Amino acid sequence: MVSQMKRSPSAQDVPDENEPDLLARLLDGDEAAFRDLVLSYHNSLVRLAMTFVAERAVAEEVVQETWLGVVHGLRDFQRRSSLKTWIFRILANRARTRGKREARSIPFSSLQGPGSQYEPAVDPSRFDARGMWTDPPRSWSDVGPDELLARRETMGMLQREIEKLPPNQRAVVILHDVEGIPSAEICNILEINETNQRVLLHRARAKLRRALEQHLGNR
C-alpha cells in the first residue's frame, strides 16, 4: 500500500514517449519547455536534496545549481538513462558535494548508522517464541487503496513519516515509491548497489506501514 503512494497529479512527469520531443524543444532553447520541466521536478528535487543537506535553504540552492547544470549539460546528455534520472543524478552529485561541505555526509553506500544491517524491519515483540504473529498487521480489506490514499490526513501523515526516516531510507523511498524511478536507476543516482537499495526500501516501507497501522488503529 505504501508503495502505491505517488505525487500529486498537479506535477506530472514527462511521459517517456514525449521525451524526444521535449529534448528537441529544450535544445532549441524553448523557454516554455524548460519551465514545464522545472514545474514537474523542482519540488521533488528539493525533497531529495534534503536527504543530503540539513537546511531547506541550502537544498533550494543545490536545486538551482542543478538546473544550471541541466541547462549547460543538455547537449552532452547521451540518453543512456531517462531525462528524469539524469536530472536526479545531477542533483544527487551536487547535493552530496554540498553535504560534505556542510559536514553532513550521508553514507548511502553503507547500511551502518541509522537503519543499520541489524535493524529489524518489524518489531520483534510482535512475534512469539515460535516466530508466529502475536500482533498481526491490520487488514485494510475494508478500505480500498485508492480511497485510503485519497484522504488528505492519511497522505499528510505519510509525508511526515517519510521526513522522519533515516536519510538513506528516505532517499530510496522518495525515488522509488514517490517518484516511480526503477531500482537500477536509483542505484545509479545514489551510487549504491542493488542489495543496499532493496534493504533500504524494505526498511523504509516497513516503518511507514507501521505508522499507517497505528494511524488507522487510532481512528
C-alpha atoms as a PDB file:
ATOM      1  CA  MET A   1       0.000   0.000   0.000  1.00  0.00           C
ATOM      2  CA  VAL A   2       2.819   2.409   0.836  1.00  0.00           C
ATOM      3  CA  SER A   3       4.419   1.550  -2.487  1.00  0.00           C
ATOM      4  CA  GLN A   4       1.337   2.910  -4.275  1.00  0.00           C
ATOM      5  CA  MET A   5       1.904   6.422  -2.950  1.00  0.00           C
ATOM      6  CA  LYS A   6       2.604   8.843  -5.790  1.00  0.00           C
ATOM      7  CA  ARG A   7       2.957  12.562  -6.215  1.00  0.00           C
ATOM      8  CA  SER A   8       0.072  14.917  -6.692  1.00  0.00           C
ATOM      9  CA  PRO A   9      -1.345  14.942 -10.232  1.00  0.00           C
ATOM     10  CA  SER A  10      -0.519  18.652 -10.360  1.00  0.00           C
ATOM     11  CA  ALA A  11       3.125  17.830 -11.041  1.00  0.00           C
ATOM     12  CA  GLN A  12       3.084  15.141 -13.704  1.00  0.00           C
ATOM     13  CA  ASP A  13       6.206  13.505 -15.062  1.00  0.00           C
ATOM     14  CA  VAL A  14       7.032  13.912 -18.711  1.00  0.00           C
ATOM     15  CA  PRO A  15       5.822  10.678 -20.378  1.00  0.00           C
ATOM     16  CA  ASP A  16       8.657   8.631 -21.879  1.00  0.00           C
ATOM     17  CA  GLU A  17       7.133   8.789 -25.337  1.00  0.00           C
ATOM     18  CA  ASN A  18       7.264  12.599 -25.223  1.00  0.00           C
ATOM     19  CA  GLU A  19      10.888  12.783 -24.095  1.00  0.00           C
ATOM     20  CA  PRO A  20      12.473  13.025 -27.579  1.00  0.00           C
ATOM     21  CA  ASP A  21      10.173  15.920 -28.441  1.00  0.00           C
ATOM     22  CA  LEU A  22      10.882  17.599 -25.116  1.00  0.00           C
ATOM     23  CA  LEU A  23      14.636  17.227 -25.590  1.00  0.00           C
ATOM     24  CA  ALA A  24      14.396  18.729 -29.057  1.00  0.00           C
ATOM     25  CA  ARG A  25      12.486  21.706 -27.685  1.00  0.00           C
ATOM     26  CA  LEU A  26      14.967  22.150 -24.846  1.00  0.00           C
ATOM     27  CA  LEU A  27      17.932  22.014 -27.220  1.00  0.00           C
ATOM     28  CA  ASP A  28      16.212  24.645 -29.367  1.00  0.00           C
ATOM     29  CA  GLY A  29      16.066  26.948 -26.350  1.00  0.00           C
ATOM     30  CA  ASP A  30      12.309  26.659 -25.847  1.00  0.00           C
ATOM     31  CA  GLU A  31      11.725  28.535 -22.573  1.00  0.00           C
ATOM     32  CA  ALA A  32       8.230  27.094 -22.133  1.00  0.00           C
ATOM     33  CA  ALA A  33       9.635  23.552 -22.306  1.00  0.00           C
ATOM     34  CA  PHE A  34      12.205  24.350 -19.638  1.00  0.00           C
ATOM     35  CA  ARG A  35       9.557  25.994 -17.465  1.00  0.00           C
ATOM     36  CA  ASP A  36       7.406  22.867 -17.697  1.00  0.00           C
ATOM     37  CA  LEU A  37      10.395  20.729 -16.755  1.00  0.00           C
ATOM     38  CA  VAL A  38      11.065  22.846 -13.676  1.00  0.00           C
ATOM     39  CA  LEU A  39       7.415  22.737 -12.629  1.00  0.00           C
ATOM     40  CA  SER A  40       7.411  18.946 -12.979  1.00  0.00           C
ATOM     41  CA  TYR A  41      10.517  18.160 -10.933  1.00  0.00           C
ATOM     42  CA  HIS A  42      11.559  21.130  -8.783  1.00  0.00           C
ATOM     43  CA  ASN A  43       9.753  20.146  -5.569  1.00  0.00           C
ATOM     44  CA  SER A  44      10.849  16.532  -5.937  1.00  0.00           C
ATOM     45  CA  LEU A  45      14.455  17.624  -6.318  1.00  0.00           C
ATOM     46  CA  VAL A  46      14.198  19.721  -3.167  1.00  0.00           C
ATOM     47  CA  ARG A  47      12.886  16.703  -1.234  1.00  0.00           C
ATOM     48  CA  LEU A  48      15.772  14.568  -2.407  1.00  0.00           C
ATOM     49  CA  ALA A  49      18.329  17.298  -1.685  1.00  0.00           C
ATOM     50  CA  MET A  50      17.047  17.452   1.891  1.00  0.00           C
ATOM     51  CA  THR A  51      18.352  13.910   2.434  1.00  0.00           C
ATOM     52  CA  PHE A  52      21.883  15.216   1.863  1.00  0.00           C
ATOM     53  CA  VAL A  53      21.781  18.662   3.498  1.00  0.00           C
ATOM     54  CA  ALA A  54      20.244  19.902   6.733  1.00  0.00           C
ATOM     55  CA  GLU A  55      18.666  23.214   5.714  1.00  0.00           C
ATOM     56  CA  ARG A  56      15.907  23.769   3.183  1.00  0.00           C
ATOM     57  CA  ALA A  57      17.555  26.989   2.022  1.00  0.00           C
ATOM     58  CA  VAL A  58      20.680  25.024   1.178  1.00  0.00           C
ATOM     59  CA  ALA A  59      18.581  22.392  -0.599  1.00  0.00           C
ATOM     60  CA  GLU A  60      16.970  25.132  -2.707  1.00  0.00           C
ATOM     61  CA  GLU A  61      20.430  26.422  -3.638  1.00  0.00           C
ATOM     62  CA  VAL A  62      21.506  22.927  -4.666  1.00  0.00           C
ATOM     63  CA  VAL A  63      18.424  22.585  -6.851  1.00  0.00           C
ATOM     64  CA  GLN A  64      19.149  25.913  -8.529  1.00  0.00           C
ATOM     65  CA  GLU A  65      22.686  24.688  -9.210  1.00  0.00           C
ATOM     66  CA  THR A  66      21.175  21.513 -10.617  1.00  0.00           C
ATOM     67  CA  TRP A  67      19.009  23.410 -13.076  1.00  0.00           C
ATOM     68  CA  LEU A  68      22.052  25.372 -14.219  1.00  0.00           C
ATOM     69  CA  GLY A  69      23.826  22.053 -14.702  1.00  0.00           C
ATOM     70  CA  VAL A  70      20.901  20.808 -16.779  1.00  0.00           C
ATOM     71  CA  VAL A  71      20.992  23.890 -18.996  1.00  0.00           C
ATOM     72  CA  HIS A  72      24.745  23.658 -19.557  1.00  0.00           C
ATOM     73  CA  GLY A  73      24.841  19.892 -19.913  1.00  0.00           C
ATOM     74  CA  LEU A  74      21.869  19.167 -22.181  1.00  0.00           C
ATOM     75  CA  ARG A  75      23.961  18.929 -25.343  1.00  0.00           C
ATOM     76  CA  ASP A  76      26.156  16.324 -23.651  1.00  0.00           C
ATOM     77  CA  PHE A  77      23.200  14.225 -22.473  1.00  0.00           C
ATOM     78  CA  GLN A  78      23.799  10.823 -24.103  1.00  0.00           C
ATOM     79  CA  ARG A  79      20.359   9.341 -23.323  1.00  0.00           C
ATOM     80  CA  ARG A  80      21.769   6.292 -21.542  1.00  0.00           C
ATOM     81  CA  SER A  81      19.025   6.848 -18.960  1.00  0.00           C
ATOM     82  CA  SER A  82      15.782   8.785 -18.898  1.00  0.00           C
ATOM     83  CA  LEU A  83      15.973  12.556 -18.755  1.00  0.00           C
ATOM     84  CA  LYS A  84      14.429  12.406 -15.278  1.00  0.00           C
ATOM     85  CA  THR A  85      17.085  10.021 -13.977  1.00  0.00           C
ATOM     86  CA  TRP A  86      19.821  12.178 -15.481  1.00  0.00           C
ATOM     87  CA  ILE A  87      18.457  15.281 -13.724  1.00  0.00           C
ATOM     88  CA  PHE A  88      18.164  13.471 -10.394  1.00  0.00           C
ATOM     89  CA  ARG A  89      21.731  12.186 -10.755  1.00  0.00           C
ATOM     90  CA  ILE A  90      22.998  15.748 -11.275  1.00  0.00           C
ATOM     91  CA  LEU A  91      21.092  16.777  -8.147  1.00  0.00           C
ATOM     92  CA  ALA A  92      22.489  13.886  -6.097  1.00  0.00           C
ATOM     93  CA  ASN A  93      26.065  14.676  -7.129  1.00  0.00           C
ATOM     94  CA  ARG A  94      25.747  18.345  -6.251  1.00  0.00           C
ATOM     95  CA  ALA A  95      23.859  17.682  -3.017  1.00  0.00           C
ATOM     96  CA  ARG A  96      26.403  15.065  -1.969  1.00  0.00           C
ATOM     97  CA  THR A  97      29.237  17.554  -2.503  1.00  0.00           C
ATOM     98  CA  ARG A  98      27.358  20.265  -0.621  1.00  0.00           C
ATOM     99  CA  GLY A  99      26.559  17.840   2.205  1.00  0.00           C
ATOM    100  CA  LYS A 100      30.241  17.073   2.651  1.00  0.00           C
ATOM    101  CA  ARG A 101      31.000  20.779   2.702  1.00  0.00           C
ATOM    102  CA  GLU A 102      28.275  21.241   5.329  1.00  0.00           C
ATOM    103  CA  ALA A 103      29.717  18.309   7.337  1.00  0.00           C
ATOM    104  CA  ARG A 104      26.616  16.224   6.703  1.00  0.00           C
ATOM    105  CA  SER A 105      27.915  13.448   4.506  1.00  0.00           C
ATOM    106  CA  ILE A 106      25.391  10.583   4.357  1.00  0.00           C
ATOM    107  CA  PRO A 107      26.857   7.084   3.832  1.00  0.00           C
ATOM    108  CA  PHE A 108      24.312   5.923   1.254  1.00  0.00           C
ATOM    109  CA  SER A 109      26.608   3.099   0.184  1.00  0.00           C
ATOM    110  CA  SER A 110      26.575   1.655   3.700  1.00  0.00           C
ATOM    111  CA  LEU A 111      23.874   0.161   5.884  1.00  0.00           C
ATOM    112  CA  GLN A 112      25.686   1.254   9.048  1.00  0.00           C
ATOM    113  CA  GLY A 113      24.459   4.038  11.293  1.00  0.00           C
ATOM    114  CA  PRO A 114      20.733   4.831  11.288  1.00  0.00           C
ATOM    115  CA  GLY A 115      18.998   1.927   9.594  1.00  0.00           C
ATOM    116  CA  SER A 116      21.977  -0.411  10.034  1.00  0.00           C
ATOM    117  CA  GLN A 117      22.038  -4.011   8.841  1.00  0.00           C
ATOM    118  CA  TYR A 118      20.995  -5.164  12.337  1.00  0.00           C
ATOM    119  CA  GLU A 119      17.817  -3.090  12.454  1.00  0.00           C
ATOM    120  CA  PRO A 120      14.716  -5.326  12.422  1.00  0.00           C
ATOM    121  CA  ALA A 121      12.142  -4.419   9.798  1.00  0.00           C
ATOM    122  CA  VAL A 122       9.349  -5.445  12.192  1.00  0.00           C
ATOM    123  CA  ASP A 123       9.347  -5.039  15.981  1.00  0.00           C
ATOM    124  CA  PRO A 124      10.425  -8.469  17.401  1.00  0.00           C
ATOM    125  CA  SER A 125       7.864  -8.110  20.218  1.00  0.00           C
ATOM    126  CA  ARG A 126       5.127  -8.773  17.641  1.00  0.00           C
ATOM    127  CA  PHE A 127       6.229 -12.432  17.358  1.00  0.00           C
ATOM    128  CA  ASP A 128       6.089 -15.288  19.868  1.00  0.00           C
ATOM    129  CA  ALA A 129       8.851 -17.803  20.626  1.00  0.00           C
ATOM    130  CA  ARG A 130       7.833 -19.853  17.586  1.00  0.00           C
ATOM    131  CA  GLY A 131       8.096 -16.859  15.282  1.00  0.00           C
ATOM    132  CA  MET A 132       4.315 -16.538  14.904  1.00  0.00           C
ATOM    133  CA  TRP A 133       2.462 -13.226  14.955  1.00  0.00           C
ATOM    134  CA  THR A 134       1.170 -12.110  18.351  1.00  0.00           C
ATOM    135  CA  ASP A 135       0.107  -8.751  16.920  1.00  0.00           C
ATOM    136  CA  PRO A 136      -0.524  -9.289  13.191  1.00  0.00           C
ATOM    137  CA  PRO A 137      -0.714  -6.405  10.716  1.00  0.00           C
ATOM    138  CA  ARG A 138      -4.145  -4.876  10.459  1.00  0.00           C
ATOM    139  CA  SER A 139      -6.144  -5.864   7.395  1.00  0.00           C
ATOM    140  CA  TRP A 140      -7.194  -2.995   5.154  1.00  0.00           C
ATOM    141  CA  SER A 141      -9.597  -5.110   3.117  1.00  0.00           C
ATOM    142  CA  ASP A 142     -12.463  -2.874   4.166  1.00  0.00           C
ATOM    143  CA  VAL A 143     -10.783   0.220   2.755  1.00  0.00           C
ATOM    144  CA  GLY A 144      -9.641   0.328  -0.853  1.00  0.00           C
ATOM    145  CA  PRO A 145      -6.149   1.711  -1.540  1.00  0.00           C
ATOM    146  CA  ASP A 146      -7.449   4.482  -3.768  1.00  0.00           C
ATOM    147  CA  GLU A 147      -9.947   5.624  -1.142  1.00  0.00           C
ATOM    148  CA  LEU A 148      -7.404   5.446   1.656  1.00  0.00           C
ATOM    149  CA  LEU A 149      -4.638   7.303  -0.157  1.00  0.00           C
ATOM    150  CA  ALA A 150      -7.078   9.974  -1.281  1.00  0.00           C
ATOM    151  CA  ARG A 151      -7.645  11.010   2.301  1.00  0.00           C
ATOM    152  CA  ARG A 152      -5.714  14.177   2.924  1.00  0.00           C
ATOM    153  CA  GLU A 153      -4.966  13.385   6.548  1.00  0.00           C
ATOM    154  CA  THR A 154      -3.520   9.984   5.692  1.00  0.00           C
ATOM    155  CA  MET A 155      -1.312  11.397   2.968  1.00  0.00           C
ATOM    156  CA  GLY A 156      -0.176  14.159   5.281  1.00  0.00           C
ATOM    157  CA  MET A 157       0.712  11.606   7.941  1.00  0.00           C
ATOM    158  CA  LEU A 158       2.711   9.529   5.467  1.00  0.00           C
ATOM    159  CA  GLN A 159       4.597  12.598   4.273  1.00  0.00           C
ATOM    160  CA  ARG A 160       5.528  13.442   7.859  1.00  0.00           C
ATOM    161  CA  GLU A 161       6.661   9.881   8.493  1.00  0.00           C
ATOM    162  CA  ILE A 162       8.820   9.941   5.377  1.00  0.00           C
ATOM    163  CA  GLU A 163      10.554  13.019   6.765  1.00  0.00           C
ATOM    164  CA  LYS A 164      11.358  11.064   9.951  1.00  0.00           C
ATOM    165  CA  LEU A 165      13.125   8.237   8.106  1.00  0.00           C
ATOM    166  CA  PRO A 166      16.936   7.983   8.201  1.00  0.00           C
ATOM    167  CA  PRO A 167      18.304   9.924   5.205  1.00  0.00           C
ATOM    168  CA  ASN A 168      19.392   6.872   3.224  1.00  0.00           C
ATOM    169  CA  GLN A 169      15.994   5.169   3.632  1.00  0.00           C
ATOM    170  CA  ARG A 170      14.181   8.415   2.899  1.00  0.00           C
ATOM    171  CA  ALA A 171      16.088   8.947  -0.344  1.00  0.00           C
ATOM    172  CA  VAL A 172      15.337   5.454  -1.612  1.00  0.00           C
ATOM    173  CA  VAL A 173      11.626   5.518  -0.767  1.00  0.00           C
ATOM    174  CA  ILE A 174      11.238   9.001  -2.299  1.00  0.00           C
ATOM    175  CA  LEU A 175      12.863   7.909  -5.534  1.00  0.00           C
ATOM    176  CA  HIS A 176      11.150   4.512  -5.756  1.00  0.00           C
ATOM    177  CA  ASP A 177       7.674   4.935  -4.260  1.00  0.00           C
ATOM    178  CA  VAL A 178       7.065   8.648  -4.707  1.00  0.00           C
ATOM    179  CA  GLU A 179       8.907   9.348  -7.967  1.00  0.00           C
ATOM    180  CA  GLY A 180       8.491   5.892  -9.546  1.00  0.00           C
ATOM    181  CA  ILE A 181      12.129   5.582 -10.616  1.00  0.00           C
ATOM    182  CA  PRO A 182      13.248   1.975 -11.342  1.00  0.00           C
ATOM    183  CA  SER A 183      15.563   0.293  -8.850  1.00  0.00           C
ATOM    184  CA  ALA A 184      18.517   0.090 -11.245  1.00  0.00           C
ATOM    185  CA  GLU A 185      18.358   3.815 -11.890  1.00  0.00           C
ATOM    186  CA  ILE A 186      18.090   4.558  -8.163  1.00  0.00           C
ATOM    187  CA  CYS A 187      21.326   2.641  -7.641  1.00  0.00           C
ATOM    188  CA  ASN A 188      22.896   4.815 -10.306  1.00  0.00           C
ATOM    189  CA  ILE A 189      21.589   8.047  -8.785  1.00  0.00           C
ATOM    190  CA  LEU A 190      22.613   7.254  -5.197  1.00  0.00           C
ATOM    191  CA  GLU A 191      25.718   5.211  -6.061  1.00  0.00           C
ATOM    192  CA  ILE A 192      24.599   2.170  -4.084  1.00  0.00           C
ATOM    193  CA  ASN A 193      24.333  -1.491  -5.011  1.00  0.00           C
ATOM    194  CA  GLU A 194      21.116  -3.402  -5.629  1.00  0.00           C
ATOM    195  CA  THR A 195      21.251  -5.193  -2.264  1.00  0.00           C
ATOM    196  CA  ASN A 196      21.528  -1.928  -0.336  1.00  0.00           C
ATOM    197  CA  GLN A 197      18.738  -0.382  -2.369  1.00  0.00           C
ATOM    198  CA  ARG A 198      16.448  -3.327  -1.714  1.00  0.00           C
ATOM    199  CA  VAL A 199      17.158  -3.452   2.032  1.00  0.00           C
ATOM    200  CA  LEU A 200      16.773   0.299   2.497  1.00  0.00           C
ATOM    201  CA  LEU A 201      13.477   0.302   0.603  1.00  0.00           C
ATOM    202  CA  HIS A 202      12.163  -2.645   2.626  1.00  0.00           C
ATOM    203  CA  ARG A 203      13.008  -0.981   5.940  1.00  0.00           C
ATOM    204  CA  ALA A 204      11.538   2.345   4.895  1.00  0.00           C
ATOM    205  CA  ARG A 205       8.302   0.680   3.781  1.00  0.00           C
ATOM    206  CA  ALA A 206       8.116  -1.351   6.997  1.00  0.00           C
ATOM    207  CA  LYS A 207       8.332   1.803   9.102  1.00  0.00           C
ATOM    208  CA  LEU A 208       5.747   3.600   7.005  1.00  0.00           C
ATOM    209  CA  ARG A 209       3.431   0.603   7.169  1.00  0.00           C
ATOM    210  CA  ARG A 210       3.710   0.511  10.978  1.00  0.00           C
ATOM    211  CA  ALA A 211       2.904   4.210  11.119  1.00  0.00           C
ATOM    212  CA  LEU A 212      -0.081   3.653   8.837  1.00  0.00           C
ATOM    213  CA  GLU A 213      -1.305   0.774  11.025  1.00  0.00           C
ATOM    214  CA  GLN A 214      -1.126   2.963  14.100  1.00  0.00           C
ATOM    215  CA  HIS A 215      -2.819   5.851  12.312  1.00  0.00           C
ATOM    216  CA  LEU A 216      -5.721   3.669  11.202  1.00  0.00           C
ATOM    217  CA  GLY A 217      -5.944   1.998  14.587  1.00  0.00           C
ATOM    218  CA  ASN A 218      -6.397   5.366  16.274  1.00  0.00           C
ATOM    219  CA  ARG A 219      -9.256   6.428  14.026  1.00  0.00           C
END
